[in-house]
Amino acid sequence: MAEITVTVLDPSGLHARPAARFVQVASRFVSTVRIRQGTREVDAKSLIAVLGLAIRAGSQIVLVTTGPDADEALDALVGELSPFITR
């Protein structure tokens, strides 16, 4: 299992376009990919679930990957979100 906590910087939060790109990247991996915000945790391979978190600017989220390619998945996801987040 690998995880990282990041803060969303984009003034629009994690809106539809970056969320869709994030889900596409997450779906390339065998590992389970989840996003946790507060007490809620969702499947990051589901666009509806990710958008349902309504992640706003300034929100802290935790990206969690579990499986055989967990580290690679986490690196790719952080890279995909890099314009929108800070560690």
PDB file of N, CA and C in Angstrom:
ATOM      1  N   MET A   1       0.852  -1.183   0.000  1.00  0.00           N
ATOM      2  CA  MET A   1       0.000   0.000   0.000  1.00  0.00           C
ATOM      3  C   MET A   1       0.887   1.231   0.000  1.00  0.00           C
ATOM      4  N   ALA A   2       0.486   2.216  -0.778  1.00  0.00           N
ATOM      5  CA  ALA A   2       1.186   3.491  -0.827  1.00  0.00           C
ATOM      6  C   ALA A   2       0.144   4.589  -0.703  1.00  0.00           C
ATOM      7  N   GLU A   3       0.520   5.662  -0.036  1.00  0.00           N
ATOM      8  CA  GLU A   3      -0.419   6.790   0.067  1.00  0.00           C
ATOM      9  C   GLU A   3       0.351   8.093   0.208  1.00  0.00           C
ATOM     10  N   ILE A   4      -0.330   9.164  -0.187  1.00  0.00           N
ATOM     11  CA  ILE A   4       0.234  10.502  -0.072  1.00  0.00           C
ATOM     12  C   ILE A   4      -0.907  11.480   0.191  1.00  0.00           C
ATOM     13  N   THR A   5      -0.639  12.466   1.026  1.00  0.00           N
ATOM     14  CA  THR A   5      -1.610  13.527   1.287  1.00  0.00           C
ATOM     15  C   THR A   5      -1.209  14.744   0.474  1.00  0.00           C
ATOM     16  N   VAL A   6      -2.161  15.311  -0.241  1.00  0.00           N
ATOM     17  CA  VAL A   6      -1.910  16.489  -1.065  1.00  0.00           C
ATOM     18  C   VAL A   6      -2.996  17.526  -0.797  1.00  0.00           C
ATOM     19  N   THR A   7      -2.685  18.766  -1.148  1.00  0.00           N
ATOM     20  CA  THR A   7      -3.645  19.863  -1.030  1.00  0.00           C
ATOM     21  C   THR A   7      -3.986  20.360  -2.428  1.00  0.00           C
ATOM     22  N   VAL A   8      -5.258  20.521  -2.705  1.00  0.00           N
ATOM     23  CA  VAL A   8      -5.724  20.989  -4.003  1.00  0.00           C
ATOM     24  C   VAL A   8      -5.558  22.504  -4.063  1.00  0.00           C
ATOM     25  N   LEU A   9      -4.839  22.980  -5.071  1.00  0.00           N
ATOM     26  CA  LEU A   9      -4.559  24.409  -5.214  1.00  0.00           C
ATOM     27  C   LEU A   9      -5.446  25.111  -6.231  1.00  0.00           C
ATOM     28  N   ASP A  10      -5.866  24.408  -7.251  1.00  0.00           N
ATOM     29  CA  ASP A  10      -6.626  25.028  -8.330  1.00  0.00           C
ATOM     30  C   ASP A  10      -7.855  25.726  -7.772  1.00  0.00           C
ATOM     31  N   PRO A  11      -8.081  26.986  -8.143  1.00  0.00           N
ATOM     32  CA  PRO A  11      -9.238  27.732  -7.624  1.00  0.00           C
ATOM     33  C   PRO A  11     -10.582  27.062  -7.911  1.00  0.00           C
ATOM     34  N   SER A  12     -10.632  26.250  -8.959  1.00  0.00           N
ATOM     35  CA  SER A  12     -11.870  25.539  -9.294  1.00  0.00           C
ATOM     36  C   SER A  12     -11.964  24.187  -8.611  1.00  0.00           C
ATOM     37  N   GLY A  13     -10.975  23.834  -7.811  1.00  0.00           N
ATOM     38  CA  GLY A  13     -10.970  22.528  -7.150  1.00  0.00           C
ATOM     39  C   GLY A  13     -10.636  21.441  -8.156  1.00  0.00           C
ATOM     40  N   LEU A  14     -11.015  20.230  -7.851  1.00  0.00           N
ATOM     41  CA  LEU A  14     -10.791  19.111  -8.769  1.00  0.00           C
ATOM     42  C   LEU A  14     -12.048  18.981  -9.627  1.00  0.00           C
ATOM     43  N   HIS A  15     -12.149  19.847 -10.627  1.00  0.00           N
ATOM     44  CA  HIS A  15     -13.333  19.903 -11.472  1.00  0.00           C
ATOM     45  C   HIS A  15     -13.295  18.814 -12.548  1.00  0.00           C
ATOM     46  N   ALA A  16     -14.269  18.808 -13.420  1.00  0.00           N
ATOM     47  CA  ALA A  16     -14.505  17.706 -14.357  1.00  0.00           C
ATOM     48  C   ALA A  16     -13.292  17.327 -15.211  1.00  0.00           C
ATOM     49  N   ARG A  17     -12.628  18.283 -15.822  1.00  0.00           N
ATOM     50  CA  ARG A  17     -11.538  17.934 -16.745  1.00  0.00           C
ATOM     51  C   ARG A  17     -10.372  17.255 -16.027  1.00  0.00           C
ATOM     52  N   PRO A  18      -9.798  17.840 -14.955  1.00  0.00           N
ATOM     53  CA  PRO A  18      -8.696  17.121 -14.298  1.00  0.00           C
ATOM     54  C   PRO A  18      -9.159  15.829 -13.617  1.00  0.00           C
ATOM     55  N   ALA A  19     -10.390  15.805 -13.148  1.00  0.00           N
ATOM     56  CA  ALA A  19     -10.910  14.579 -12.532  1.00  0.00           C
ATOM     57  C   ALA A  19     -10.993  13.464 -13.579  1.00  0.00           C
ATOM     58  N   ALA A  20     -11.440  13.798 -14.776  1.00  0.00           N
ATOM     59  CA  ALA A  20     -11.540  12.802 -15.850  1.00  0.00           C
ATOM     60  C   ALA A  20     -10.157  12.283 -16.232  1.00  0.00           C
ATOM     61  N   ARG A  21      -9.184  13.167 -16.339  1.00  0.00           N
ATOM     62  CA  ARG A  21      -7.813  12.736 -16.657  1.00  0.00           C
ATOM     63  C   ARG A  21      -7.272  11.852 -15.539  1.00  0.00           C
ATOM     64  N   PHE A  22      -7.547  12.214 -14.288  1.00  0.00           N
ATOM     65  CA  PHE A  22      -7.102  11.434 -13.139  1.00  0.00           C
ATOM     66  C   PHE A  22      -7.678  10.020 -13.199  1.00  0.00           C
ATOM     67  N   VAL A  23      -8.973   9.913 -13.476  1.00  0.00           N
ATOM     68  CA  VAL A  23      -9.643   8.613 -13.553  1.00  0.00           C
ATOM     69  C   VAL A  23      -9.060   7.778 -14.689  1.00  0.00           C
ATOM     70  N   GLN A  24      -8.760   8.403 -15.814  1.00  0.00           N
ATOM     71  CA  GLN A  24      -8.157   7.676 -16.932  1.00  0.00           C
ATOM     72  C   GLN A  24      -6.812   7.084 -16.532  1.00  0.00           C
ATOM     73  N   VAL A  25      -5.992   7.868 -15.850  1.00  0.00           N
ATOM     74  CA  VAL A  25      -4.686   7.375 -15.406  1.00  0.00           C
ATOM     75  C   VAL A  25      -4.869   6.258 -14.384  1.00  0.00           C
ATOM     76  N   ALA A  26      -5.753   6.450 -13.413  1.00  0.00           N
ATOM     77  CA  ALA A  26      -5.987   5.440 -12.379  1.00  0.00           C
ATOM     78  C   ALA A  26      -6.437   4.117 -12.995  1.00  0.00           C
ATOM     79  N   SER A  27      -7.219   4.187 -14.050  1.00  0.00           N
ATOM     80  CA  SER A  27      -7.766   2.987 -14.681  1.00  0.00           C
ATOM     81  C   SER A  27      -6.718   2.172 -15.424  1.00  0.00           C
ATOM     82  N   ARG A  28      -5.567   2.737 -15.681  1.00  0.00           N
ATOM     83  CA  ARG A  28      -4.497   2.010 -16.382  1.00  0.00           C
ATOM     84  C   ARG A  28      -3.806   0.997 -15.482  1.00  0.00           C
ATOM     85  N   PHE A  29      -4.021   1.080 -14.187  1.00  0.00           N
ATOM     86  CA  PHE A  29      -3.281   0.247 -13.246  1.00  0.00           C
ATOM     87  C   PHE A  29      -4.143  -0.873 -12.683  1.00  0.00           C
ATOM     88  N   VAL A  30      -3.488  -1.983 -12.348  1.00  0.00           N
ATOM     89  CA  VAL A  30      -4.154  -3.129 -11.740  1.00  0.00           C
ATOM     90  C   VAL A  30      -4.533  -2.805 -10.297  1.00  0.00           C
ATOM     91  N   SER A  31      -3.697  -2.032  -9.626  1.00  0.00           N
ATOM     92  CA  SER A  31      -3.910  -1.710  -8.212  1.00  0.00           C
ATOM     93  C   SER A  31      -5.231  -0.999  -7.979  1.00  0.00           C
ATOM     94  N   THR A  32      -5.738  -1.160  -6.773  1.00  0.00           N
ATOM     95  CA  THR A  32      -6.892  -0.402  -6.319  1.00  0.00           C
ATOM     96  C   THR A  32      -6.415   1.020  -6.044  1.00  0.00           C
ATOM     97  N   VAL A  33      -7.183   1.980  -6.507  1.00  0.00           N
ATOM     98  CA  VAL A  33      -6.844   3.386  -6.290  1.00  0.00           C
ATOM     99  C   VAL A  33      -8.035   4.052  -5.622  1.00  0.00           C
ATOM    100  N   ARG A  34      -7.783   4.720  -4.499  1.00  0.00           N
ATOM    101  CA  ARG A  34      -8.853   5.367  -3.741  1.00  0.00           C
ATOM    102  C   ARG A  34      -8.442   6.796  -3.406  1.00  0.00           C
ATOM    103  N   ILE A  35      -9.452   7.651  -3.246  1.00  0.00           N
ATOM    104  CA  ILE A  35      -9.246   9.024  -2.772  1.00  0.00           C
ATOM    105  C   ILE A  35     -10.020   9.158  -1.475  1.00  0.00           C
ATOM    106  N   ARG A  36      -9.329   9.665  -0.456  1.00  0.00           N
ATOM    107  CA  ARG A  36      -9.972   9.882   0.842  1.00  0.00           C
ATOM    108  C   ARG A  36      -9.978  11.387   1.124  1.00  0.00           C
ATOM    109  N   GLN A  37     -11.146  11.880   1.477  1.00  0.00           N
ATOM    110  CA  GLN A  37     -11.291  13.282   1.890  1.00  0.00           C
ATOM    111  C   GLN A  37     -12.108  13.263   3.178  1.00  0.00           C
ATOM    112  N   GLY A  38     -11.447  13.612   4.270  1.00  0.00           N
ATOM    113  CA  GLY A  38     -12.115  13.540   5.568  1.00  0.00           C
ATOM    114  C   GLY A  38     -12.472  12.100   5.877  1.00  0.00           C
ATOM    115  N   THR A  39     -13.741  11.852   6.140  1.00  0.00           N
ATOM    116  CA  THR A  39     -14.185  10.503   6.467  1.00  0.00           C
ATOM    117  C   THR A  39     -14.702   9.739   5.247  1.00  0.00           C
ATOM    118  N   ARG A  40     -14.737  10.399   4.099  1.00  0.00           N
ATOM    119  CA  ARG A  40     -15.233   9.755   2.879  1.00  0.00           C
ATOM    120  C   ARG A  40     -14.077   9.201   2.061  1.00  0.00           C
ATOM    121  N   GLU A  41     -14.263   8.023   1.507  1.00  0.00           N
ATOM    122  CA  GLU A  41     -13.262   7.398   0.650  1.00  0.00           C
ATOM    123  C   GLU A  41     -13.983   6.779  -0.538  1.00  0.00           C
ATOM    124  N   VAL A  42     -13.471   7.060  -1.756  1.00  0.00           N
ATOM    125  CA  VAL A  42     -14.140   6.576  -2.963  1.00  0.00           C
ATOM    126  C   VAL A  42     -13.147   5.906  -3.901  1.00  0.00           C
ATOM    127  N   ASP A  43     -13.691   5.132  -4.823  1.00  0.00           N
ATOM    128  CA  ASP A  43     -12.923   4.481  -5.881  1.00  0.00           C
ATOM    129  C   ASP A  43     -12.492   5.549  -6.885  1.00  0.00           C
ATOM    130  N   ALA A  44     -11.186   5.722  -7.044  1.00  0.00           N
ATOM    131  CA  ALA A  44     -10.674   6.760  -7.933  1.00  0.00           C
ATOM    132  C   ALA A  44     -10.751   6.364  -9.403  1.00  0.00           C
ATOM    133  N   LYS A  45     -11.265   5.175  -9.687  1.00  0.00           N
ATOM    134  CA  LYS A  45     -11.456   4.759 -11.074  1.00  0.00           C
ATOM    135  C   LYS A  45     -12.877   5.060 -11.542  1.00  0.00           C
ATOM    136  N   SER A  46     -13.653   5.715 -10.690  1.00  0.00           N
ATOM    137  CA  SER A  46     -15.039   6.085 -11.008  1.00  0.00           C
ATOM    138  C   SER A  46     -15.156   7.606 -11.045  1.00  0.00           C
ATOM    139  N   LEU A  47     -15.425   8.148 -12.226  1.00  0.00           N
ATOM    140  CA  LEU A  47     -15.544   9.600 -12.363  1.00  0.00           C
ATOM    141  C   LEU A  47     -16.683  10.141 -11.503  1.00  0.00           C
ATOM    142  N   ILE A  48     -17.793   9.444 -11.474  1.00  0.00           N
ATOM    143  CA  ILE A  48     -18.933   9.895 -10.666  1.00  0.00           C
ATOM    144  C   ILE A  48     -18.548   9.957  -9.188  1.00  0.00           C
ATOM    145  N   ALA A  49     -17.830   8.946  -8.717  1.00  0.00           N
ATOM    146  CA  ALA A  49     -17.414   8.920  -7.305  1.00  0.00           C
ATOM    147  C   ALA A  49     -16.452  10.062  -6.998  1.00  0.00           C
ATOM    148  N   VAL A  50     -15.491  10.298  -7.888  1.00  0.00           N
ATOM    149  CA  VAL A  50     -14.512  11.372  -7.666  1.00  0.00           C
ATOM    150  C   VAL A  50     -15.207  12.723  -7.673  1.00  0.00           C
ATOM    151  N   LEU A  51     -16.065  12.960  -8.646  1.00  0.00           N
ATOM    152  CA  LEU A  51     -16.786  14.234  -8.695  1.00  0.00           C
ATOM    153  C   LEU A  51     -17.728  14.386  -7.502  1.00  0.00           C
ATOM    154  N   GLY A  52     -18.243  13.274  -7.004  1.00  0.00           N
ATOM    155  CA  GLY A  52     -19.144  13.296  -5.854  1.00  0.00           C
ATOM    156  C   GLY A  52     -18.486  13.802  -4.578  1.00  0.00           C
ATOM    157  N   LEU A  53     -17.157  13.733  -4.508  1.00  0.00           N
ATOM    158  CA  LEU A  53     -16.458  14.278  -3.343  1.00  0.00           C
ATOM    159  C   LEU A  53     -16.490  15.805  -3.313  1.00  0.00           C
ATOM    160  N   ALA A  54     -16.755  16.417  -4.475  1.00  0.00           N
ATOM    161  CA  ALA A  54     -16.802  17.887  -4.584  1.00  0.00           C
ATOM    162  C   ALA A  54     -15.554  18.515  -3.948  1.00  0.00           C
ATOM    163  N   ILE A  55     -14.396  18.108  -4.439  1.00  0.00           N
ATOM    164  CA  ILE A  55     -13.122  18.568  -3.889  1.00  0.00           C
ATOM    165  C   ILE A  55     -12.885  20.018  -4.300  1.00  0.00           C
ATOM    166  N   ARG A  56     -12.792  20.882  -3.333  1.00  0.00           N
ATOM    167  CA  ARG A  56     -12.631  22.323  -3.563  1.00  0.00           C
ATOM    168  C   ARG A  56     -11.192  22.757  -3.322  1.00  0.00           C
ATOM    169  N   ALA A  57     -10.881  23.956  -3.763  1.00  0.00           N
ATOM    170  CA  ALA A  57      -9.555  24.528  -3.532  1.00  0.00           C
ATOM    171  C   ALA A  57      -9.272  24.576  -2.036  1.00  0.00           C
ATOM    172  N   GLY A  58      -8.062  24.203  -1.661  1.00  0.00           N
ATOM    173  CA  GLY A  58      -7.669  24.200  -0.263  1.00  0.00           C
ATOM    174  C   GLY A  58      -7.951  22.889   0.450  1.00  0.00           C
ATOM    175  N   SER A  59      -8.683  21.982  -0.203  1.00  0.00           N
ATOM    176  CA  SER A  59      -9.001  20.686   0.400  1.00  0.00           C
ATOM    177  C   SER A  59      -7.767  19.799   0.444  1.00  0.00           C
ATOM    178  N   GLN A  60      -7.641  19.057   1.536  1.00  0.00           N
ATOM    179  CA  GLN A  60      -6.605  18.035   1.613  1.00  0.00           C
ATOM    180  C   GLN A  60      -7.242  16.704   1.277  1.00  0.00           C
ATOM    181  N   ILE A  61      -6.572  15.959   0.394  1.00  0.00           N
ATOM    182  CA  ILE A  61      -7.043  14.636   0.023  1.00  0.00           C
ATOM    183  C   ILE A  61      -5.885  13.658   0.185  1.00  0.00           C
ATOM    184  N   VAL A  62      -6.241  12.401   0.382  1.00  0.00           N
ATOM    185  CA  VAL A  62      -5.236  11.344   0.493  1.00  0.00           C
ATOM    186  C   VAL A  62      -5.452  10.398  -0.686  1.00  0.00           C
ATOM    187  N   LEU A  63      -4.393  10.180  -1.450  1.00  0.00           N
ATOM    188  CA  LEU A  63      -4.428   9.215  -2.544  1.00  0.00           C
ATOM    189  C   LEU A  63      -3.857   7.913  -1.999  1.00  0.00           C
ATOM    190  N   VAL A  64      -4.602   6.829  -2.141  1.00  0.00           N
ATOM    191  CA  VAL A  64      -4.201   5.531  -1.589  1.00  0.00           C
ATOM    192  C   VAL A  64      -4.224   4.498  -2.712  1.00  0.00           C
ATOM    193  N   THR A  65      -3.115   3.786  -2.878  1.00  0.00           N
ATOM    194  CA  THR A  65      -3.040   2.728  -3.874  1.00  0.00           C
ATOM    195  C   THR A  65      -2.644   1.420  -3.183  1.00  0.00           C
ATOM    196  N   THR A  66      -3.265   0.343  -3.609  1.00  0.00           N
ATOM    197  CA  THR A  66      -2.984  -0.974  -3.041  1.00  0.00           C
ATOM    198  C   THR A  66      -2.936  -1.987  -4.173  1.00  0.00           C
ATOM    199  N   GLY A  67      -1.839  -2.733  -4.248  1.00  0.00           N
ATOM    200  CA  GLY A  67      -1.739  -3.769  -5.266  1.00  0.00           C
ATOM    201  C   GLY A  67      -0.333  -3.892  -5.813  1.00  0.00           C
ATOM    202  N   PRO A  68      -0.177  -4.695  -6.859  1.00  0.00           N
ATOM    203  CA  PRO A  68       1.151  -5.002  -7.366  1.00  0.00           C
ATOM    204  C   PRO A  68       1.889  -3.815  -7.992  1.00  0.00           C
ATOM    205  N   ASP A  69       1.164  -2.843  -8.511  1.00  0.00           N
ATOM    206  CA  ASP A  69       1.803  -1.676  -9.121  1.00  0.00           C
ATOM    207  C   ASP A  69       1.424  -0.393  -8.377  1.00  0.00           C
ATOM    208  N   ALA A  70       1.269  -0.503  -7.059  1.00  0.00           N
ATOM    209  CA  ALA A  70       0.798   0.614  -6.230  1.00  0.00           C
ATOM    210  C   ALA A  70       1.721   1.823  -6.298  1.00  0.00           C
ATOM    211  N   ASP A  71       3.026   1.602  -6.198  1.00  0.00           N
ATOM    212  CA  ASP A  71       3.962   2.738  -6.222  1.00  0.00           C
ATOM    213  C   ASP A  71       3.951   3.445  -7.569  1.00  0.00           C
ATOM    214  N   GLU A  72       3.932   2.663  -8.644  1.00  0.00           N
ATOM    215  CA  GLU A  72       3.896   3.255  -9.986  1.00  0.00           C
ATOM    216  C   GLU A  72       2.604   4.036 -10.202  1.00  0.00           C
ATOM    217  N   ALA A  73       1.505   3.473  -9.717  1.00  0.00           N
ATOM    218  CA  ALA A  73       0.216   4.147  -9.851  1.00  0.00           C
ATOM    219  C   ALA A  73       0.222   5.476  -9.102  1.00  0.00           C
ATOM    220  N   LEU A  74       0.729   5.468  -7.894  1.00  0.00           N
ATOM    221  CA  LEU A  74       0.754   6.694  -7.092  1.00  0.00           C
ATOM    222  C   LEU A  74       1.622   7.757  -7.763  1.00  0.00           C
ATOM    223  N   ASP A  75       2.782   7.367  -8.267  1.00  0.00           N
ATOM    224  CA  ASP A  75       3.655   8.320  -8.959  1.00  0.00           C
ATOM    225  C   ASP A  75       2.964   8.920 -10.180  1.00  0.00           C
ATOM    226  N   ALA A  76       2.285   8.080 -10.958  1.00  0.00           N
ATOM    227  CA  ALA A  76       1.594   8.562 -12.158  1.00  0.00           C
ATOM    228  C   ALA A  76       0.444   9.497 -11.798  1.00  0.00           C
ATOM    229  N   LEU A  77      -0.281   9.176 -10.746  1.00  0.00           N
ATOM    230  CA  LEU A  77      -1.422  10.002 -10.337  1.00  0.00           C
ATOM    231  C   LEU A  77      -0.970  11.357  -9.811  1.00  0.00           C
ATOM    232  N   VAL A  78       0.073  11.364  -9.017  1.00  0.00           N
ATOM    233  CA  VAL A  78       0.603  12.638  -8.510  1.00  0.00           C
ATOM    234  C   VAL A  78       1.116  13.469  -9.686  1.00  0.00           C
ATOM    235  N   GLY A  79       1.765  12.818 -10.638  1.00  0.00           N
ATOM    236  CA  GLY A  79       2.233  13.524 -11.829  1.00  0.00           C
ATOM    237  C   GLY A  79       1.099  14.123 -12.628  1.00  0.00           C
ATOM    238  N   GLU A  80       0.010  13.383 -12.754  1.00  0.00           N
ATOM    239  CA  GLU A  80      -1.156  13.868 -13.494  1.00  0.00           C
ATOM    240  C   GLU A  80      -1.798  15.070 -12.814  1.00  0.00           C
ATOM    241  N   LEU A  81      -1.830  15.044 -11.488  1.00  0.00           N
ATOM    242  CA  LEU A  81      -2.469  16.131 -10.741  1.00  0.00           C
ATOM    243  C   LEU A  81      -1.512  17.283 -10.417  1.00  0.00           C
ATOM    244  N   SER A  82      -0.238  17.149 -10.738  1.00  0.00           N
ATOM    245  CA  SER A  82       0.760  18.143 -10.305  1.00  0.00           C
ATOM    246  C   SER A  82       0.403  19.598 -10.601  1.00  0.00           C
ATOM    247  N   PRO A  83      -0.282  19.925 -11.713  1.00  0.00           N
ATOM    248  CA  PRO A  83      -0.651  21.333 -11.908  1.00  0.00           C
ATOM    249  C   PRO A  83      -1.725  21.829 -10.938  1.00  0.00           C
ATOM    250  N   PHE A  84      -2.403  20.906 -10.280  1.00  0.00           N
ATOM    251  CA  PHE A  84      -3.554  21.255  -9.454  1.00  0.00           C
ATOM    252  C   PHE A  84      -3.329  21.073  -7.959  1.00  0.00           C
ATOM    253  N   ILE A  85      -2.190  20.467  -7.561  1.00  0.00           N
ATOM    254  CA  ILE A  85      -1.969  20.115  -6.161  1.00  0.00           C
ATOM    255  C   ILE A  85      -0.587  20.525  -5.679  1.00  0.00           C
ATOM    256  N   THR A  86      -0.412  20.464  -4.372  1.00  0.00           N
ATOM    257  CA  THR A  86       0.900  20.578  -3.734  1.00  0.00           C
ATOM    258  C   THR A  86       0.984  19.505  -2.671  1.00  0.00           C
ATOM    259  N   ARG A  87       2.185  19.053  -2.423  1.00  0.00           N
ATOM    260  CA  ARG A  87       2.376  18.011  -1.400  1.00  0.00           C
ATOM    261  C   ARG A  87       2.514  18.630  -0.051  1.00  0.00           C
TER     262      ARG A  87
END
